[in-house]
Structure formats: structure tokens, C-alpha cells
């Protein structure tokens, strides 16, 4: 257990979703973005949305998502601070993080993405852009070979 900025972070080992569906986390203080992404994603993914980054941090301390979307400028707690905390979770080091940004913000941040942030998606999020992110950063595991698959007739 460690503390930072008057917050206590429990030392819980993260785990994957039990039902086998891919897990996507969205952290944004804009409710319309949260609602839109939940609508787009909930059919195929377990989606957890957070308007408060502190709640997201506690959730991420117990779950390894396949992808995290985060607002590049959060109000309650700075995005930089949230990313620093996420990076302390060793189990999340390979989890891709995508910034959510207004088109006017995108140019200013795209050349200086912090470690772990792999891409930027513009708001309002378009379904085609979201699908491109999902296809790029959520990689399906290789299907297991069945006995006899290597026999050629």
C-alpha cells in the first residue's frame, strides 16, 4: 500500500474480466463523450466509464483492461497525475492508452505524447475512428491449434 496526494492506493493484484469479454475503460469529465463511447462499445466489450479519475484509478487497481481512453485535460485530477499512477501498476504497463482530445487540442499534444499514450482520437468520436483504434490496439490472441490441424490429406 502506498499514499500520494492524500490518497491511499491498495495493493491489489489486477485481474482480467471473468466473462471473457474484452474490457475498455473510458475516463473523461465530459458526460456526452462517456455516453457516446458506452453506446458504441457496450455491444462487444465490457465498458467501464468514469467521470472521476480517482474512481478509475481504484478500478484499474483491480482490473487489467485491454484499452484505456482518457481525456487529455481532466479537471478533478490532472491527466498527467492519473497517468503517473497508472504507470505504477506493473500489470498495466502493456495496456495501450488513447487520448481523447478536441480537434483544437490535438495539434498541441500529438508531438509530445507521454509514455504509454499510443494515440489520440478526436471528439466528438466518430464510429469509424473508434473502430480503427479498437482494431489497432485490441489484438486477439492466436487461436489454439486443435490436434490434427497439422495433418494434410
Protein backbone atom coordinates (compact mmCIF):
# COMPACT_ATOMS: atom_id res chain seq x y z
CA UNK A 1 0.00 0.00 0.00
CA UNK A 2 1.28 3.49 -0.80
CA UNK A 3 -0.02 7.03 -0.45
CA UNK A 4 0.21 10.07 -2.65
CA UNK A 5 -1.58 13.42 -2.54
CA UNK A 6 -3.67 12.27 0.44
CA UNK A 7 -4.87 9.21 -1.46
CA UNK A 8 -4.24 5.63 -0.39
CA UNK A 9 -3.81 3.06 -3.16
CA UNK A 10 -4.41 -0.53 -2.07
CA UNK A 11 -2.00 -3.18 -3.30
CA UNK A 12 -4.46 -5.48 -5.11
CA UNK A 13 -3.35 -7.67 -7.98
CA UNK A 14 -5.22 -6.76 -11.18
CA UNK A 15 -7.15 -9.47 -13.00
CA UNK A 16 -8.87 -9.82 -16.36
CA UNK A 17 -12.63 -9.77 -16.77
CA UNK A 18 -14.14 -13.10 -15.68
CA UNK A 19 -16.67 -13.40 -18.52
CA UNK A 20 -14.04 -13.37 -21.27
CA UNK A 21 -15.22 -10.19 -22.98
CA UNK A 22 -12.62 -7.53 -23.71
CA UNK A 23 -12.59 -4.66 -21.26
CA UNK A 24 -12.38 -0.99 -22.23
CA UNK A 25 -12.09 1.87 -19.73
CA UNK A 26 -13.08 5.46 -20.55
CA UNK A 27 -12.02 8.32 -18.26
CA UNK A 28 -13.49 11.69 -19.18
CA UNK A 29 -15.24 14.53 -17.38
CA UNK A 30 -17.45 15.16 -20.43
CA UNK A 31 -20.66 13.15 -19.96
CA UNK A 32 -21.63 13.25 -23.63
CA UNK A 33 -18.33 11.58 -24.58
CA UNK A 34 -18.79 8.95 -21.87
CA UNK A 35 -22.34 8.20 -23.04
CA UNK A 36 -21.38 8.08 -26.71
CA UNK A 37 -18.46 5.72 -26.16
CA UNK A 38 -20.54 3.48 -23.92
CA UNK A 39 -23.22 3.24 -26.62
CA UNK A 40 -20.63 2.46 -29.29
CA UNK A 41 -18.72 -0.11 -27.21
CA UNK A 42 -21.18 -1.92 -24.94
CA UNK A 43 -22.37 -4.40 -27.56
CA UNK A 44 -18.95 -6.02 -27.96
CA UNK A 45 -16.99 -5.01 -24.86
CA UNK A 46 -17.27 -4.68 -21.12
CA UNK A 47 -17.16 -0.90 -20.80
CA UNK A 48 -16.41 0.99 -17.62
CA UNK A 49 -16.82 4.76 -17.78
CA UNK A 50 -15.55 7.19 -15.17
CA UNK A 51 -16.19 10.91 -14.88
CA UNK A 52 -13.96 10.98 -11.78
CA UNK A 53 -10.38 9.78 -12.36
CA UNK A 54 -9.97 8.77 -8.70
CA UNK A 55 -12.68 6.13 -9.16
CA UNK A 56 -10.97 4.96 -12.34
CA UNK A 57 -7.67 4.57 -10.50
CA UNK A 58 -9.27 2.31 -7.90
CA UNK A 59 -10.97 0.29 -10.64
CA UNK A 60 -7.69 -0.09 -12.54
CA UNK A 61 -6.07 -1.33 -9.36
CA UNK A 62 -8.23 -4.45 -9.65
CA UNK A 63 -8.72 -4.96 -13.38
CA UNK A 64 -6.46 -5.07 -16.42
CA UNK A 65 -8.37 -3.51 -19.33
CA UNK A 66 -7.48 -4.14 -22.95
CA UNK A 67 -7.60 -0.42 -23.77
CA UNK A 68 -7.94 2.85 -21.86
CA UNK A 69 -9.36 6.07 -23.31
CA UNK A 70 -8.57 9.17 -21.23
CA UNK A 71 -9.36 12.86 -21.63
CA UNK A 72 -6.10 14.71 -22.29
CA UNK A 73 -7.20 17.55 -19.95
CA UNK A 74 -9.09 16.33 -16.88
CA UNK A 75 -10.38 18.82 -14.29
CA UNK A 76 -10.68 16.89 -11.00
CA UNK A 77 -7.14 15.47 -11.17
CA UNK A 78 -4.61 16.22 -13.88
CA UNK A 79 -4.29 13.68 -16.65
CA UNK A 80 -0.54 13.68 -16.07
CA UNK A 81 -1.08 12.60 -12.44
CA UNK A 82 -3.55 9.88 -13.46
CA UNK A 83 -1.05 8.52 -16.00
CA UNK A 84 1.74 8.56 -13.38
CA UNK A 85 -0.41 6.48 -11.04
CA UNK A 86 -1.43 4.05 -13.79
CA UNK A 87 2.23 3.56 -14.66
CA UNK A 88 2.92 2.43 -11.07
CA UNK A 89 0.76 -0.66 -11.74
CA UNK A 90 3.21 -3.09 -13.28
CA UNK A 91 0.35 -5.19 -14.67
CA UNK A 92 -0.86 -2.25 -16.77
CA UNK A 93 2.47 -1.49 -18.45
CA UNK A 94 1.34 -3.07 -21.74
CA UNK A 95 -2.16 -1.60 -21.71
CA UNK A 96 -2.49 0.94 -24.54
CA UNK A 97 -3.84 4.36 -23.59
CA UNK A 98 -5.54 6.65 -26.12
CA UNK A 99 -6.08 10.36 -25.51
CA UNK A 100 -9.50 11.89 -26.11
CA UNK A 101 -9.00 15.43 -27.39
CA UNK A 102 -10.78 18.30 -29.02
CA UNK A 103 -9.51 18.95 -32.55
CA UNK A 104 -8.03 22.25 -31.35
CA UNK A 105 -6.04 20.42 -28.62
CA UNK A 106 -4.80 17.63 -30.86
CA UNK A 107 -2.12 19.57 -32.71
CA UNK A 108 -0.60 20.83 -29.45
CA UNK A 109 -0.23 17.38 -27.90
CA UNK A 110 0.35 14.93 -30.74
CA UNK A 111 4.11 15.52 -30.90
CA UNK A 112 4.63 15.10 -27.15
CA UNK A 113 2.56 12.12 -26.04
CA UNK A 114 3.58 10.85 -22.60
CA UNK A 115 4.85 7.27 -22.19
CA UNK A 116 2.04 4.74 -22.51
CA UNK A 117 -0.20 7.02 -24.58
CA UNK A 118 -0.16 5.45 -28.01
CA UNK A 119 -2.64 7.57 -29.98
CA UNK A 120 -5.19 10.38 -29.99
CA UNK A 121 -8.84 10.28 -31.03
CA UNK A 122 -10.79 13.48 -31.69
CA UNK A 123 -14.06 14.43 -30.07
CA UNK A 124 -16.80 14.09 -30.96
CA UNK A 125 -15.75 10.49 -31.50
CA UNK A 126 -16.73 9.05 -34.86
CA UNK A 127 -17.56 5.35 -35.03
CA UNK A 128 -15.06 4.76 -37.87
CA UNK A 129 -12.21 6.35 -35.86
CA UNK A 130 -13.16 4.35 -32.78
CA UNK A 131 -13.20 1.10 -34.76
CA UNK A 132 -9.75 1.89 -36.15
CA UNK A 133 -8.44 2.31 -32.58
CA UNK A 134 -10.06 -0.94 -31.46
CA UNK A 135 -8.68 -2.84 -34.46
CA UNK A 136 -5.21 -1.38 -33.91
CA UNK A 137 -4.83 -1.74 -30.16
CA UNK A 138 -7.00 -4.69 -29.12
CA UNK A 139 -5.25 -7.69 -30.56
CA UNK A 140 -6.96 -11.07 -30.48
CA UNK A 141 -4.91 -13.92 -29.17
CA UNK A 142 -3.87 -16.57 -31.66
CA UNK A 143 -6.46 -19.38 -31.87
CA UNK A 144 -5.29 -22.58 -30.27
CA UNK A 145 -4.31 -25.38 -32.61
CA UNK A 146 -6.52 -28.42 -32.42
CA UNK A 147 -4.99 -31.90 -32.55
CA UNK A 148 -4.79 -32.97 -36.16
CA UNK A 149 -4.67 -29.46 -37.63
CA UNK A 150 -1.21 -30.19 -38.97
CA UNK A 151 -2.30 -33.31 -40.91
CA UNK A 152 -2.52 -32.74 -44.65
CA UNK A 153 -4.67 -35.09 -46.68
